[in-house]
Amino acid sequence: MKFFDRNAIAPVLANGIKELKLDLSEQQHGQLLDYLALLAKWNSVYNLTSVRDPMQMVTHHALDSLAAVSAFEGAVSVLDVGAGGGLPGIVLAIARPGMKVALIDTVHKKTAFLTQVKAELGLANVTVHTARVEQLQVPHQFDVITSRAFADLSDFVNWSGHLLAEGGKFIALKGTAPADEQERLPSDWKVSELRAIQVPGLQAERHLVFIEKNQ
């Protein structure tokens, strides 16, 4: 594992947050750094992400997820499917403490990590599920269901559609937004918006794909 140099990483994160025009407190900055430190530490044993360099984790993971935060404006309850190491779910939960965020993954060591993050960072708005999303049953459905590089859009919608509240939407974080994936969506769903996002320090294409029910 590369050494997690908090003093070097903090200003890079702070500058990225400023560039994204996000209003985060010192406590939230600290939580994001704590999260990245845990991700770097656990990654050496648990293989949570292919990104090994903590400095790259800032751009490729933290800022990449923070660039999507504004899209969740007004959401009360969010589900992150195939949450893996907690992206974007943990980052959303830190940036929007008033929003409830549930994270689901089938891999136990990943959900063990997420449970540890929740405990160490004191994230009262986070719930973690170890299960297949198509088998998940919850008392209250979600306004927004999100995923980052999880699956084909049609699988994403088919597997988790039963968990979306009336009038809710899917927001998929993608690199490019493949047209063939959009065409394969079930007929009762449509891409309502395709939004290009700019991630500070990342020279790569990033898109948010918004999917809603056909009225």
Protein backbone atom coordinates (compact mmCIF):
# COMPACT_ATOMS: atom_id res chain seq x y z
CA MET A 1 0.00 0.00 0.00
CA LYS A 2 1.23 3.48 -0.80
CA PHE A 3 1.51 5.71 2.24
CA PHE A 4 -1.59 7.85 2.91
CA ASP A 5 -0.13 11.34 3.25
CA ARG A 6 -3.01 13.31 4.74
CA ASN A 7 -1.15 16.65 4.53
CA ALA A 8 -0.56 16.22 0.80
CA ILE A 9 -4.04 14.88 0.06
CA ALA A 10 -6.09 17.43 2.05
CA PRO A 11 -5.37 20.46 -0.19
CA VAL A 12 -6.05 18.48 -3.38
CA LEU A 13 -9.41 17.41 -1.99
CA ALA A 14 -10.18 20.94 -0.74
CA ASN A 15 -9.37 22.51 -4.12
CA GLY A 16 -11.54 19.97 -5.93
CA ILE A 17 -14.47 20.65 -3.59
CA LYS A 18 -14.03 24.38 -4.18
CA GLU A 19 -13.97 23.86 -7.95
CA LEU A 20 -17.21 21.86 -7.69
CA LYS A 21 -18.71 24.77 -5.69
CA LEU A 22 -19.81 22.46 -2.89
CA ASP A 23 -20.40 24.00 0.51
CA LEU A 24 -18.90 21.45 2.90
CA SER A 25 -17.90 22.07 6.51
CA GLU A 26 -14.50 21.34 8.03
CA GLN A 27 -16.05 18.28 9.66
CA GLN A 28 -17.21 16.97 6.26
CA HIS A 29 -13.73 17.59 4.79
CA GLY A 30 -12.30 15.61 7.70
CA GLN A 31 -14.78 12.75 7.19
CA LEU A 32 -13.90 12.53 3.49
CA LEU A 33 -10.20 12.32 4.38
CA ASP A 34 -10.92 9.71 7.06
CA TYR A 35 -12.91 7.71 4.50
CA LEU A 36 -10.10 7.83 1.93
CA ALA A 37 -7.58 6.78 4.61
CA LEU A 38 -9.77 3.77 5.50
CA LEU A 39 -10.24 2.91 1.82
CA ALA A 40 -6.48 2.97 1.24
CA LYS A 41 -5.83 0.91 4.39
CA TRP A 42 -8.47 -1.79 3.79
CA ASN A 43 -7.78 -1.92 0.07
CA SER A 44 -4.38 -3.53 0.62
CA VAL A 45 -6.09 -6.57 2.17
CA TYR A 46 -9.65 -6.51 0.80
CA ASN A 47 -9.07 -5.38 -2.79
CA LEU A 48 -11.96 -2.87 -2.76
CA THR A 49 -10.72 -0.88 -5.77
CA SER A 50 -8.13 -1.29 -8.51
CA VAL A 51 -6.87 2.23 -7.73
CA ARG A 52 -3.88 1.76 -5.42
CA ASP A 53 -2.47 5.28 -5.15
CA PRO A 54 -4.22 7.32 -2.40
CA MET A 55 -3.72 10.54 -4.41
CA GLN A 56 -5.50 8.95 -7.37
CA MET A 57 -8.31 7.89 -5.02
CA VAL A 58 -8.97 11.60 -4.42
CA THR A 59 -9.71 12.33 -8.09
CA HIS A 60 -10.95 8.95 -9.34
CA HIS A 61 -13.15 8.20 -6.34
CA ALA A 62 -13.88 11.11 -3.98
CA LEU A 63 -14.12 13.97 -6.48
CA ASP A 64 -15.70 11.70 -9.11
CA SER A 65 -18.52 10.96 -6.65
CA LEU A 66 -18.70 14.55 -5.33
CA ALA A 67 -19.20 15.82 -8.91
CA ALA A 68 -22.56 14.01 -8.87
CA VAL A 69 -23.80 15.43 -5.54
CA SER A 70 -25.85 18.29 -7.03
CA ALA A 71 -27.89 15.75 -9.04
CA PHE A 72 -29.29 14.39 -5.75
CA GLU A 73 -30.77 17.76 -4.74
CA GLY A 74 -34.06 17.19 -2.94
CA ALA A 75 -33.60 13.42 -2.54
CA VAL A 76 -34.55 12.12 0.90
CA SER A 77 -33.72 8.45 0.55
CA VAL A 78 -31.10 6.97 -1.80
CA LEU A 79 -29.97 3.41 -2.56
CA ASP A 80 -26.47 2.74 -3.90
CA VAL A 81 -26.48 -0.59 -5.78
CA GLY A 82 -23.26 -2.59 -6.07
CA ALA A 83 -21.77 -0.15 -3.59
CA GLY A 84 -18.36 -1.87 -3.46
CA GLY A 85 -16.02 0.36 -1.49
CA GLY A 86 -18.78 2.94 -0.94
CA LEU A 87 -18.81 4.96 -4.13
CA PRO A 88 -20.80 7.08 -4.54
CA GLY A 89 -22.89 6.12 -1.45
CA ILE A 90 -20.49 6.96 1.39
CA VAL A 91 -19.41 10.20 -0.32
CA LEU A 92 -23.07 11.22 -0.81
CA ALA A 93 -23.83 10.40 2.84
CA ILE A 94 -20.96 12.63 4.00
CA ALA A 95 -21.82 15.50 1.64
CA ARG A 96 -25.58 15.34 2.38
CA PRO A 97 -26.02 14.34 6.05
CA GLY A 98 -29.76 15.07 5.88
CA MET A 99 -30.23 12.40 3.20
CA LYS A 100 -30.66 8.72 4.10
CA VAL A 101 -28.29 6.51 2.12
CA ALA A 102 -28.57 2.71 1.91
CA LEU A 103 -25.71 0.74 0.35
CA ILE A 104 -26.03 -2.81 -0.97
CA ASP A 105 -23.44 -5.29 -2.18
CA THR A 106 -23.34 -9.08 -2.42
CA VAL A 107 -19.70 -9.32 -1.29
CA HIS A 108 -19.45 -9.66 2.46
CA LYS A 109 -15.96 -8.22 2.84
CA LYS A 110 -17.10 -5.06 1.04
CA THR A 111 -20.14 -4.61 3.29
CA ALA A 112 -17.92 -5.32 6.34
CA PHE A 113 -15.76 -2.40 5.20
CA LEU A 114 -18.82 -0.16 4.71
CA THR A 115 -20.10 -1.06 8.18
CA GLN A 116 -16.69 -0.13 9.62
CA VAL A 117 -16.73 3.21 7.76
CA LYS A 118 -20.23 3.95 9.08
CA ALA A 119 -19.06 3.26 12.65
CA GLU A 120 -15.74 5.11 12.51
CA LEU A 121 -17.15 8.19 10.76
CA GLY A 122 -20.36 8.24 12.83
CA LEU A 123 -22.61 8.23 9.76
CA ALA A 124 -26.06 7.90 11.32
CA ASN A 125 -27.71 8.35 7.89
CA VAL A 126 -26.13 5.16 6.43
CA THR A 127 -27.60 1.63 6.25
CA VAL A 128 -25.67 -1.32 4.83
CA HIS A 129 -27.21 -4.45 3.24
CA THR A 130 -25.40 -7.65 2.23
CA ALA A 131 -27.69 -9.14 -0.43
CA ARG A 132 -28.56 -9.36 -4.09
CA VAL A 133 -30.51 -6.23 -4.96
CA GLU A 134 -33.25 -8.19 -6.76
CA GLN A 135 -33.99 -9.99 -3.47
CA LEU A 136 -33.90 -6.92 -1.23
CA GLN A 137 -37.16 -6.02 0.53
CA VAL A 138 -37.45 -2.72 2.41
CA PRO A 139 -40.33 -1.06 4.31
CA HIS A 140 -39.93 2.20 2.37
CA GLN A 141 -38.92 2.59 -1.27
CA PHE A 142 -36.23 5.02 -2.42
CA ASP A 143 -36.58 8.37 -4.25
CA VAL A 144 -33.30 7.77 -6.09
CA ILE A 145 -31.44 4.56 -6.89
CA THR A 146 -27.86 5.08 -8.02
CA SER A 147 -24.88 3.02 -9.10
CA ARG A 148 -21.39 3.68 -10.32
CA ALA A 149 -19.95 1.48 -13.06
CA PHE A 150 -22.20 -1.32 -11.78
CA ALA A 151 -23.99 -3.02 -14.67
CA ASP A 152 -25.71 -2.57 -17.98
CA LEU A 153 -28.48 0.05 -17.60
CA SER A 154 -31.24 -2.48 -18.41
CA ASP A 155 -29.98 -4.92 -15.73
CA PHE A 156 -29.66 -2.06 -13.25
CA VAL A 157 -33.30 -1.08 -13.83
CA ASN A 158 -34.67 -4.64 -13.99
CA TRP A 159 -32.93 -5.79 -10.81
CA SER A 160 -33.76 -2.79 -8.64
CA GLY A 161 -36.96 -1.32 -10.13
CA HIS A 162 -39.12 -2.82 -7.35
CA LEU A 163 -37.28 -0.61 -4.84
CA LEU A 164 -37.97 2.72 -6.56
CA ALA A 165 -40.75 4.90 -5.15
CA GLU A 166 -43.51 6.30 -7.35
CA GLY A 167 -42.10 9.27 -9.27
CA GLY A 168 -38.53 8.30 -8.34
CA LYS A 169 -35.54 8.11 -10.68
CA PHE A 170 -32.38 6.17 -11.35
CA ILE A 171 -29.08 8.04 -11.62
CA ALA A 172 -26.26 5.93 -13.07
CA LEU A 173 -22.69 7.25 -12.91
CA LYS A 174 -21.00 6.24 -16.15
CA GLY A 175 -17.87 7.05 -18.10
CA THR A 176 -19.35 7.30 -21.54
CA ALA A 177 -23.06 6.78 -21.95
CA PRO A 178 -23.34 3.92 -24.44
CA ALA A 179 -26.25 4.36 -26.85
CA ASP A 180 -26.78 0.58 -27.13
CA GLU A 181 -27.32 0.35 -23.36
CA GLN A 182 -29.92 3.10 -23.54
CA GLU A 183 -31.70 1.29 -26.38
CA ARG A 184 -31.88 -1.94 -24.38
CA LEU A 185 -33.85 -0.33 -21.55
CA PRO A 186 -37.23 -1.99 -20.87
CA SER A 187 -40.01 -0.21 -22.80
CA ASP A 188 -41.60 1.33 -19.69
CA TRP A 189 -38.38 3.21 -18.84
CA LYS A 190 -36.63 6.06 -20.62
CA VAL A 191 -33.44 8.10 -20.34
CA SER A 192 -34.83 11.48 -19.25
CA GLU A 193 -31.47 13.24 -19.20
CA LEU A 194 -27.84 12.62 -20.06
CA ARG A 195 -25.61 15.03 -18.14
CA ALA A 196 -21.88 15.41 -18.77
CA ILE A 197 -19.98 16.19 -15.58
CA GLN A 198 -16.50 17.60 -15.13
CA VAL A 199 -14.38 16.02 -12.40
CA PRO A 200 -11.55 18.27 -11.13
CA GLY A 201 -8.16 16.82 -12.03
CA LEU A 202 -9.62 13.99 -14.11
CA GLN A 203 -9.14 14.07 -17.87
CA ALA A 204 -11.84 11.54 -18.66
CA GLU A 205 -15.41 11.50 -19.89
CA ARG A 206 -18.02 11.26 -17.15
CA HIS A 207 -21.80 11.22 -17.49
CA LEU A 208 -24.84 10.95 -15.27
CA VAL A 209 -27.65 8.95 -16.85
CA PHE A 210 -31.10 9.80 -15.47
CA ILE A 211 -33.74 7.12 -16.03
CA GLU A 212 -37.42 7.57 -15.27
CA LYS A 213 -40.70 5.71 -15.86
CA ASN A 214 -42.50 6.47 -19.09
CA GLN A 215 -45.64 8.31 -18.15
